[in-house]
Amino acid sequence: MSKHTHDELLDDYSRRPIPEDQRASGLSIALITFGVGITLPVFWLGADVTQKVGFGPACWIFFLVCILLGGLCYFTALVGNRARLSTYMVLHFSFGRHGAKLLNFIVAVTLLGFYSATVDIFGSTVQSALQSSFGLASPAWVHVLWGSLLMTATAIFGFRGMDKLSVWSVPLMGVFMLYVLYLAVEKAAPGQISAFAGSGDSLALAISSTIGMVILTPVLMPDFTRYARTDKDSLIATLGMSLGFPLVLLAGGLPSIVTGQSEIVPIMAALGLVLPALFILVFSTWTTNTANLYSAVLTLATFIRTPDWRLAVAGSLIATGLALAGFMTHFLDFILALSIVTPPIASIYLVDFFYIRRQRYDVSELDALPGFGWAALIAWALASAIAWLTTYEGWTLTSQPTIDSLLIAALVYPLLARLLASPKRVLANS
């Protein structure tokens, strides 16, 4: 393969708008976003939340959180569809050329954290499944390594590699989720599921952890919907999260009630599905971590000038190293922090795109943007700090730090943008 052909293959338009001949249907994008949710950490959280708050509260948490964030997802999807730029290029217009690098770095670290946790659970799950099914003892780190290699290879081929993978693997995984739910209901004793009350843990904490698990999807939706053909395709694309994610969470939570287990392999063993589950979860985790690494590469590509495939390899090595070092022990704290510091990013670029710049994002103007968008940076820092304070007893606004950070950023950013704008720009926008 010539160098020119190779570079074209790996160029995923990370720094420029998507051309018309590369656009995709809303359904194909929805399959990818749904596939992102069919992953071991989401199963784990579904079981964890259900065991803590009970079946009824868990159901409304899963559906309410995903539907409400699906609404946010639609607006961020429109930004991607209309600007034809990745999230990381979009951030330049509000946060500035250098300010966006800080946010992009934070998002990249977040994505690599998800990659690390996912490949960590993948390794231990494969190890447990092989032991219970075949009596084959093997170290988890071996499965972490080969799994990470497989995921990295697909991420190198970007959106097109994910599209080819998701077209056949995601429907298969969706059918499997429904079958798991069917078996769990069939095996349940009368009233066992509806009467399950859980351990009585905090509802607010359960809501925050669920938000933290799924919040990156609406924030990063432009990465996917920049490929969407129309606004209608953007709306269809959001269904992968708003309707698909609750299904995955329930597929982790409901069987945990019936089996009394919280880990995926014992749950599947109790349902008689260890080997089918192992097969399905290999592909589901493959799809999800491909998306995590793909988005991390798009982030890093905005300020590290090197071929995307090299960024994919470097990011994979770092995240895999973290997995082997035990990052998973801090995963719950990690997603709770995400539910606070990530939402303001979406608030700010939505206000900037729809209100301040009137949907005009032109890549030819990137070099003329200020180095730091102080209004956006201050609004983000202030919203994150206040929302963090509301997690302590005695401090409260809406009772949900995620909503606090979203609203504060949306209100503060336009005010600061006007106060800090040059007189010339204020007159131009009046």
Protein backbone atom coordinates (compact mmCIF):
# COMPACT_ATOMS: atom_id res chain seq x y z
CA MET A 1 0.00 0.00 0.00
CA SER A 2 1.45 3.38 -0.98
CA LYS A 3 1.95 6.04 1.67
CA HIS A 4 -0.64 8.26 -0.05
CA THR A 5 -3.28 5.51 -0.04
CA HIS A 6 -2.43 4.56 3.56
CA ASP A 7 -2.80 8.15 4.77
CA GLU A 8 -6.15 8.49 2.98
CA LEU A 9 -7.41 5.30 4.61
CA LEU A 10 -6.52 6.47 8.11
CA ASP A 11 -7.62 10.10 7.59
CA ASP A 12 -10.91 10.31 9.50
CA TYR A 13 -11.41 14.05 8.92
CA SER A 14 -10.36 14.84 12.48
CA ARG A 15 -9.34 18.40 11.55
CA ARG A 16 -11.73 19.30 8.72
CA PRO A 17 -15.43 19.03 7.80
CA ILE A 18 -16.89 15.73 6.57
CA PRO A 19 -17.35 15.69 2.78
CA GLU A 20 -20.78 14.82 1.39
CA ASP A 21 -19.76 11.45 -0.03
CA GLN A 22 -18.75 10.21 3.43
CA ARG A 23 -22.11 10.81 5.15
CA ALA A 24 -24.12 8.04 6.79
CA SER A 25 -27.72 7.30 7.76
CA GLY A 26 -29.09 7.99 11.22
CA LEU A 27 -29.73 4.28 11.74
CA SER A 28 -26.11 3.31 11.13
CA ILE A 29 -24.96 5.99 13.60
CA ALA A 30 -27.60 4.85 16.13
CA LEU A 31 -26.22 1.30 15.88
CA ILE A 32 -22.76 2.61 16.74
CA THR A 33 -23.97 4.67 19.73
CA PHE A 34 -26.07 1.74 20.97
CA GLY A 35 -23.04 -0.51 20.59
CA VAL A 36 -21.05 1.93 22.74
CA GLY A 37 -23.47 1.15 25.61
CA ILE A 38 -23.29 -2.63 25.31
CA THR A 39 -20.21 -3.01 27.43
CA LEU A 40 -19.10 -4.62 30.65
CA PRO A 41 -18.87 -1.45 32.79
CA VAL A 42 -22.51 -0.62 31.91
CA PHE A 43 -23.62 -4.16 32.86
CA TRP A 44 -21.70 -3.80 36.08
CA LEU A 45 -23.31 -0.44 36.90
CA GLY A 46 -26.79 -1.77 36.05
CA ALA A 47 -26.33 -4.58 38.57
CA ASP A 48 -24.73 -2.30 41.16
CA VAL A 49 -27.48 0.35 41.06
CA THR A 50 -30.27 -2.24 41.08
CA GLN A 51 -28.79 -4.04 44.07
CA LYS A 52 -28.53 -0.75 45.95
CA VAL A 53 -31.86 0.97 45.24
CA GLY A 54 -34.17 -1.86 44.19
CA PHE A 55 -35.94 -2.75 40.95
CA GLY A 56 -38.57 0.01 40.72
CA PRO A 57 -36.26 2.95 41.46
CA ALA A 58 -33.54 1.48 39.24
CA CYS A 59 -35.97 1.29 36.30
CA TRP A 60 -37.03 4.90 36.49
CA ILE A 61 -33.44 6.04 37.06
CA PHE A 62 -32.22 4.18 33.96
CA PHE A 63 -35.01 5.39 31.67
CA LEU A 64 -35.34 8.92 33.04
CA VAL A 65 -31.60 9.63 32.94
CA CYS A 66 -31.17 8.24 29.43
CA ILE A 67 -34.25 9.95 28.00
CA LEU A 68 -33.36 13.33 29.52
CA LEU A 69 -29.76 13.05 28.38
CA GLY A 70 -31.15 11.91 25.03
CA GLY A 71 -32.74 15.37 24.76
CA LEU A 72 -29.35 16.97 25.39
CA CYS A 73 -27.91 14.49 22.91
CA TYR A 74 -30.23 15.71 20.16
CA PHE A 75 -29.00 19.29 20.41
CA THR A 76 -25.34 18.30 20.51
CA ALA A 77 -26.06 15.98 17.56
CA LEU A 78 -27.36 18.97 15.60
CA VAL A 79 -24.09 20.81 16.21
CA GLY A 80 -22.18 17.93 14.66
CA ASN A 81 -24.59 17.62 11.75
CA ARG A 82 -24.61 21.33 10.91
CA ALA A 83 -20.96 22.17 11.61
CA ARG A 84 -19.60 18.89 10.17
CA LEU A 85 -16.81 19.04 12.75
CA SER A 86 -15.74 16.77 15.60
CA THR A 87 -16.44 17.83 19.19
CA TYR A 88 -12.80 18.74 19.63
CA MET A 89 -12.76 21.16 16.71
CA VAL A 90 -16.10 22.58 17.87
CA LEU A 91 -14.57 23.43 21.26
CA HIS A 92 -12.05 25.77 19.60
CA PHE A 93 -14.76 28.31 18.84
CA SER A 94 -15.80 28.78 22.47
CA PHE A 95 -12.68 27.84 24.45
CA GLY A 96 -10.08 29.29 22.08
CA ARG A 97 -7.20 27.65 20.22
CA HIS A 98 -5.13 26.93 23.34
CA GLY A 99 -8.02 26.75 25.81
CA ALA A 100 -9.57 23.97 23.76
CA LYS A 101 -6.38 21.98 24.16
CA LEU A 102 -6.91 21.90 27.92
CA LEU A 103 -10.49 20.66 27.53
CA ASN A 104 -9.45 18.23 24.83
CA PHE A 105 -6.75 16.84 27.10
CA ILE A 106 -9.29 16.35 29.92
CA VAL A 107 -11.70 14.60 27.55
CA ALA A 108 -8.89 12.42 26.16
CA VAL A 109 -7.89 11.36 29.68
CA THR A 110 -11.54 10.59 30.42
CA LEU A 111 -11.90 8.42 27.32
CA LEU A 112 -8.69 6.56 28.07
CA GLY A 113 -10.00 6.02 31.61
CA PHE A 114 -13.11 4.36 30.18
CA TYR A 115 -10.93 2.34 27.83
CA SER A 116 -8.79 1.21 30.76
CA ALA A 117 -11.75 0.19 32.93
CA THR A 118 -13.45 -1.62 30.05
CA VAL A 119 -10.42 -3.65 29.04
CA ASP A 120 -9.74 -4.42 32.71
CA ILE A 121 -13.23 -5.88 33.25
CA PHE A 122 -12.92 -7.63 29.90
CA GLY A 123 -9.76 -9.42 31.00
CA SER A 124 -11.18 -10.60 34.32
CA THR A 125 -14.46 -11.66 32.69
CA VAL A 126 -12.75 -13.77 30.04
CA GLN A 127 -10.53 -15.30 32.71
CA SER A 128 -13.55 -16.20 34.88
CA ALA A 129 -15.55 -17.56 31.92
CA LEU A 130 -12.74 -19.84 30.75
CA GLN A 131 -12.21 -21.09 34.30
CA SER A 132 -15.89 -21.87 34.94
CA SER A 133 -16.58 -23.41 31.51
CA PHE A 134 -13.39 -25.34 30.76
CA GLY A 135 -11.43 -25.36 34.00
CA LEU A 136 -8.75 -23.40 32.14
CA ALA A 137 -6.67 -21.25 34.47
CA SER A 138 -5.16 -18.19 32.82
CA PRO A 139 -3.97 -14.80 34.06
CA ALA A 140 -6.34 -11.90 33.43
CA TRP A 141 -3.52 -9.72 32.09
CA VAL A 142 -3.12 -12.00 29.07
CA HIS A 143 -6.72 -11.34 28.06
CA VAL A 144 -6.30 -7.63 28.75
CA LEU A 145 -3.41 -7.55 26.29
CA TRP A 146 -4.96 -9.48 23.40
CA GLY A 147 -8.29 -7.71 23.87
CA SER A 148 -6.61 -4.31 23.79
CA LEU A 149 -4.70 -5.26 20.66
CA LEU A 150 -7.93 -6.23 18.89
CA MET A 151 -9.66 -2.99 19.90
CA THR A 152 -6.73 -0.84 18.84
CA ALA A 153 -6.55 -2.46 15.41
CA THR A 154 -10.18 -1.56 14.72
CA ALA A 155 -9.85 1.99 16.08
CA ILE A 156 -7.00 2.65 13.64
CA PHE A 157 -9.52 2.44 10.81
CA GLY A 158 -11.75 5.03 12.51
CA PHE A 159 -15.45 5.52 11.86
CA ARG A 160 -15.45 3.29 8.80
CA GLY A 161 -14.03 0.37 10.77
CA MET A 162 -16.64 0.90 13.50
CA ASP A 163 -19.43 1.15 10.94
CA LYS A 164 -18.52 -2.19 9.36
CA LEU A 165 -18.23 -3.83 12.78
CA SER A 166 -21.49 -2.43 14.19
CA VAL A 167 -23.66 -3.24 11.16
CA TRP A 168 -23.72 -6.93 12.04
CA SER A 169 -22.48 -7.12 15.64
CA VAL A 170 -24.80 -4.56 17.32
CA PRO A 171 -28.12 -6.15 16.20
CA LEU A 172 -26.77 -9.50 17.44
CA MET A 173 -25.94 -7.95 20.80
CA GLY A 174 -29.36 -6.29 21.01
CA VAL A 175 -31.10 -9.63 20.48
CA PHE A 176 -28.88 -11.16 23.14
CA MET A 177 -29.83 -8.42 25.64
CA LEU A 178 -33.52 -9.14 25.06
CA TYR A 179 -32.92 -12.87 25.49
CA VAL A 180 -31.10 -12.29 28.79
CA LEU A 181 -34.05 -10.22 30.04
CA TYR A 182 -36.48 -12.92 28.89
CA LEU A 183 -34.58 -15.69 30.71
CA ALA A 184 -34.33 -13.63 33.88
CA VAL A 185 -38.08 -12.96 33.93
CA GLU A 186 -38.81 -16.61 33.17
CA LYS A 187 -36.61 -17.86 36.03
CA ALA A 188 -37.89 -15.34 38.57
CA ALA A 189 -40.26 -16.42 41.30
CA PRO A 190 -43.68 -14.68 41.32
CA GLY A 191 -43.22 -11.14 42.64
CA GLN A 192 -39.46 -11.58 43.10
CA ILE A 193 -38.46 -8.81 40.70
CA SER A 194 -41.08 -6.17 41.50
CA ALA A 195 -40.71 -6.67 45.26
CA PHE A 196 -36.91 -6.36 45.27
CA ALA A 197 -36.08 -3.33 47.45
CA GLY A 198 -32.29 -3.34 47.35
CA SER A 199 -29.96 -2.38 50.18
CA GLY A 200 -31.44 1.11 50.58
CA ASP A 201 -28.50 3.17 49.34
CA SER A 202 -28.83 6.81 48.26
CA LEU A 203 -31.01 7.48 45.22
CA ALA A 204 -29.05 10.67 44.49
CA LEU A 205 -25.80 8.71 44.35
CA ALA A 206 -27.38 6.11 42.05
CA ILE A 207 -28.61 8.85 39.72
CA SER A 208 -25.22 10.57 39.68
CA SER A 209 -23.35 7.36 38.93
CA THR A 210 -25.75 6.51 36.08
CA ILE A 211 -25.33 10.01 34.63
CA GLY A 212 -21.56 9.72 34.94
CA MET A 213 -21.61 6.45 33.02
CA VAL A 214 -23.52 7.84 30.01
CA ILE A 215 -22.74 11.59 30.00
CA LEU A 216 -19.89 11.39 27.51
CA THR A 217 -22.24 10.18 24.77
CA PRO A 218 -24.21 13.46 24.47
CA VAL A 219 -21.06 15.56 24.99
CA LEU A 220 -19.21 13.74 22.20
CA MET A 221 -22.18 13.19 19.88
CA PRO A 222 -20.79 15.57 17.21
CA ASP A 223 -18.02 13.02 16.61
CA PHE A 224 -20.64 10.71 15.15
CA THR A 225 -23.39 12.99 13.80
CA ARG A 226 -20.95 15.06 11.74
CA TYR A 227 -21.47 12.10 9.40
CA ALA A 228 -25.30 12.39 9.51
CA ARG A 229 -27.00 13.35 6.25
CA THR A 230 -29.82 15.44 7.73
CA ASP A 231 -31.25 16.77 11.00
CA LYS A 232 -33.68 13.84 10.94
CA ASP A 233 -30.74 11.43 10.80
CA SER A 234 -29.28 13.23 13.83
CA LEU A 235 -32.50 12.62 15.76
CA ILE A 236 -32.53 8.94 14.79
CA ALA A 237 -28.89 8.65 15.85
CA THR A 238 -29.73 9.69 19.43
CA LEU A 239 -32.10 6.73 19.85
CA GLY A 240 -29.08 4.46 20.24
CA MET A 241 -28.48 6.11 23.60
CA SER A 242 -31.93 7.19 24.83
CA LEU A 243 -33.59 3.82 24.14
CA GLY A 244 -30.62 1.46 23.91
CA PHE A 245 -28.70 2.29 27.08
CA PRO A 246 -31.61 1.58 29.50
CA LEU A 247 -31.94 -1.86 27.92
CA VAL A 248 -28.29 -2.61 28.65
CA LEU A 249 -28.55 -1.33 32.22
CA LEU A 250 -31.63 -3.49 32.81
CA ALA A 251 -29.85 -6.49 31.27
CA GLY A 252 -27.29 -6.10 34.06
CA GLY A 253 -29.73 -5.21 36.84
CA LEU A 254 -32.71 -7.51 36.38
CA PRO A 255 -30.73 -10.81 36.19
CA SER A 256 -28.77 -9.74 39.28
CA ILE A 257 -32.06 -9.79 41.24
CA VAL A 258 -33.01 -13.25 40.01
CA THR A 259 -29.58 -14.84 40.46
CA GLY A 260 -28.44 -12.95 43.56
CA GLN A 261 -25.15 -12.23 41.80
CA SER A 262 -23.56 -8.90 40.84
CA GLU A 263 -20.71 -10.10 38.58
CA ILE A 264 -21.39 -10.87 34.93
CA VAL A 265 -19.99 -14.42 34.73
CA PRO A 266 -21.87 -15.80 37.80
CA ILE A 267 -25.05 -14.12 36.48
CA MET A 268 -24.66 -15.72 33.05
CA ALA A 269 -23.72 -19.06 34.61
CA ALA A 270 -26.95 -19.02 36.63
CA LEU A 271 -28.84 -18.35 33.38
CA GLY A 272 -26.91 -21.08 31.54
CA LEU A 273 -25.34 -18.59 29.16
CA VAL A 274 -21.62 -18.48 29.99
CA LEU A 275 -20.27 -19.35 26.53
CA PRO A 276 -22.82 -17.34 24.48
CA ALA A 277 -22.29 -14.42 26.86
CA LEU A 278 -18.53 -14.67 26.47
CA PHE A 279 -18.87 -14.59 22.68
CA ILE A 280 -21.27 -11.65 22.70
CA LEU A 281 -19.34 -9.65 25.28
CA VAL A 282 -16.10 -9.98 23.33
CA PHE A 283 -17.76 -8.19 20.44
CA SER A 284 -19.64 -5.68 22.60
CA THR A 285 -16.52 -4.64 24.47
CA TRP A 286 -14.62 -4.55 21.20
CA THR A 287 -17.15 -2.08 19.74
CA THR A 288 -17.23 0.13 22.84
CA ASN A 289 -13.51 0.40 23.36
CA THR A 290 -12.99 1.01 19.67
CA ALA A 291 -15.29 4.04 20.08
CA ASN A 292 -13.46 5.17 23.24
CA LEU A 293 -10.07 5.04 21.56
CA TYR A 294 -11.43 6.54 18.32
CA SER A 295 -12.78 9.57 20.18
CA ALA A 296 -9.58 9.91 22.21
CA VAL A 297 -7.60 9.99 18.96
CA LEU A 298 -9.86 12.74 17.58
CA THR A 299 -9.18 14.74 20.75
CA LEU A 300 -5.43 14.34 20.70
CA ALA A 301 -5.28 15.03 16.96
CA THR A 302 -6.37 18.63 17.54
CA PHE A 303 -3.11 19.52 19.30
CA ILE A 304 -0.67 16.69 18.58
CA ARG A 305 0.41 16.76 14.97
CA THR A 306 1.10 13.14 14.20
CA PRO A 307 -0.75 10.48 12.18
CA ASP A 308 -3.94 9.26 13.86
CA TRP A 309 -2.80 5.64 13.92
CA ARG A 310 0.22 6.56 16.05
CA LEU A 311 -2.03 8.39 18.51
CA ALA A 312 -4.25 5.29 18.68
CA VAL A 313 -1.30 3.05 19.51
CA ALA A 314 0.09 5.47 22.12
CA GLY A 315 -3.31 5.95 23.78
CA SER A 316 -3.91 2.22 23.87
CA LEU A 317 -0.54 1.56 25.50
CA ILE A 318 -1.20 4.15 28.23
CA ALA A 319 -4.76 2.93 28.97
CA THR A 320 -3.73 -0.73 28.95
CA GLY A 321 -0.92 0.07 31.37
CA LEU A 322 -3.43 1.74 33.71
CA ALA A 323 -5.67 -1.33 33.51
CA LEU A 324 -2.82 -3.61 34.49
CA ALA A 325 -1.99 -1.23 37.37
CA GLY A 326 -5.53 -1.56 38.87
CA PHE A 327 -7.39 1.52 37.66
CA MET A 328 -10.73 -0.28 38.09
CA THR A 329 -10.57 0.11 41.88
CA HIS A 330 -11.18 3.85 41.40
CA PHE A 331 -13.82 3.55 38.68
CA LEU A 332 -16.90 4.60 40.69
CA ASP A 333 -15.16 7.77 41.91
CA PHE A 334 -14.11 8.39 38.32
CA ILE A 335 -17.64 8.31 36.89
CA LEU A 336 -19.03 10.43 39.74
CA ALA A 337 -16.44 13.11 38.93
CA LEU A 338 -17.43 12.91 35.27
CA SER A 339 -21.07 13.66 36.14
CA ILE A 340 -19.88 17.05 37.42
CA VAL A 341 -17.05 18.30 35.19
CA THR A 342 -18.23 17.03 31.78
CA PRO A 343 -21.79 18.46 31.39
CA PRO A 344 -20.69 22.15 31.39
CA ILE A 345 -18.64 21.48 28.25
CA ALA A 346 -21.82 20.62 26.35
CA SER A 347 -23.72 23.60 27.81
CA ILE A 348 -21.04 26.00 26.71
CA TYR A 349 -20.59 24.84 23.12
CA LEU A 350 -24.38 24.59 22.65
CA VAL A 351 -24.86 28.21 23.77
CA ASP A 352 -21.91 29.28 21.66
CA PHE A 353 -23.11 27.52 18.51
CA PHE A 354 -26.83 28.31 18.63
CA TYR A 355 -26.91 31.67 20.43
CA ILE A 356 -23.58 33.49 20.19
CA ARG A 357 -22.33 32.44 16.73
CA ARG A 358 -25.76 31.77 15.20
CA GLN A 359 -24.71 28.33 13.88
CA ARG A 360 -21.75 29.74 11.93
CA TYR A 361 -18.62 27.68 12.52
CA ASP A 362 -16.07 28.19 9.73
CA VAL A 363 -12.79 26.27 9.90
CA SER A 364 -11.13 29.02 7.87
CA GLU A 365 -11.52 31.25 10.95
CA LEU A 366 -9.74 28.90 13.35
CA ASP A 367 -6.37 30.65 13.11
CA ALA A 368 -8.02 33.99 13.88
CA LEU A 369 -9.63 32.74 17.10
CA PRO A 370 -8.14 33.96 20.41
CA GLY A 371 -5.71 31.68 22.20
CA PHE A 372 -7.97 31.41 25.23
CA GLY A 373 -11.74 31.77 25.39
CA TRP A 374 -11.76 33.09 28.91
CA ALA A 375 -15.54 33.34 29.14
CA ALA A 376 -15.88 29.62 28.39
CA LEU A 377 -12.98 28.57 30.62
CA ILE A 378 -14.22 30.60 33.59
CA ALA A 379 -17.81 29.42 33.13
CA TRP A 380 -16.69 25.78 32.95
CA ALA A 381 -14.46 26.08 36.04
CA LEU A 382 -17.14 27.94 38.02
CA ALA A 383 -19.91 25.51 37.09
CA SER A 384 -17.74 22.50 37.97
CA ALA A 385 -16.63 24.01 41.30
CA ILE A 386 -20.14 24.98 42.44
CA ALA A 387 -21.57 21.62 41.38
CA TRP A 388 -18.77 19.88 43.29
CA LEU A 389 -19.65 21.86 46.44
CA THR A 390 -23.26 20.69 46.18
CA THR A 391 -22.07 17.11 46.74
CA TYR A 392 -21.30 18.06 50.35
CA GLU A 393 -23.99 18.13 53.03
CA GLY A 394 -25.50 21.55 53.51
CA TRP A 395 -24.87 22.66 49.93
CA THR A 396 -27.62 22.12 47.37
CA LEU A 397 -29.23 23.72 44.33
CA THR A 398 -31.30 21.22 42.34
CA SER A 399 -30.09 18.21 44.39
CA GLN A 400 -28.34 16.85 41.26
CA PRO A 401 -24.78 18.17 40.66
CA THR A 402 -25.04 17.32 36.95
CA ILE A 403 -28.07 19.58 36.47
CA ASP A 404 -26.37 22.24 38.59
CA SER A 405 -23.28 22.28 36.39
CA LEU A 406 -25.32 22.26 33.16
CA LEU A 407 -27.50 25.19 34.21
CA ILE A 408 -24.74 27.31 35.76
CA ALA A 409 -22.55 27.01 32.67
CA ALA A 410 -25.48 27.80 30.34
CA LEU A 411 -26.33 30.95 32.33
CA VAL A 412 -22.84 32.21 33.13
CA TYR A 413 -21.16 31.67 29.76
CA PRO A 414 -23.27 34.07 27.61
CA LEU A 415 -23.00 36.75 30.31
CA LEU A 416 -19.22 36.45 30.50
CA ALA A 417 -18.94 36.21 26.70
CA ARG A 418 -20.65 39.59 26.39
CA LEU A 419 -18.75 41.20 29.26
CA LEU A 420 -15.35 40.02 28.01
CA ALA A 421 -16.00 40.57 24.29
CA SER A 422 -14.29 43.41 22.48
CA PRO A 423 -16.50 46.46 21.73
CA LYS A 424 -16.21 45.66 18.01
CA ARG A 425 -17.56 42.13 18.49
CA VAL A 426 -20.36 43.28 20.79
CA LEU A 427 -21.55 45.71 18.12
CA ALA A 428 -21.29 43.02 15.45
CA ASN A 429 -23.44 40.61 17.47
CA SER A 430 -26.03 43.20 18.48
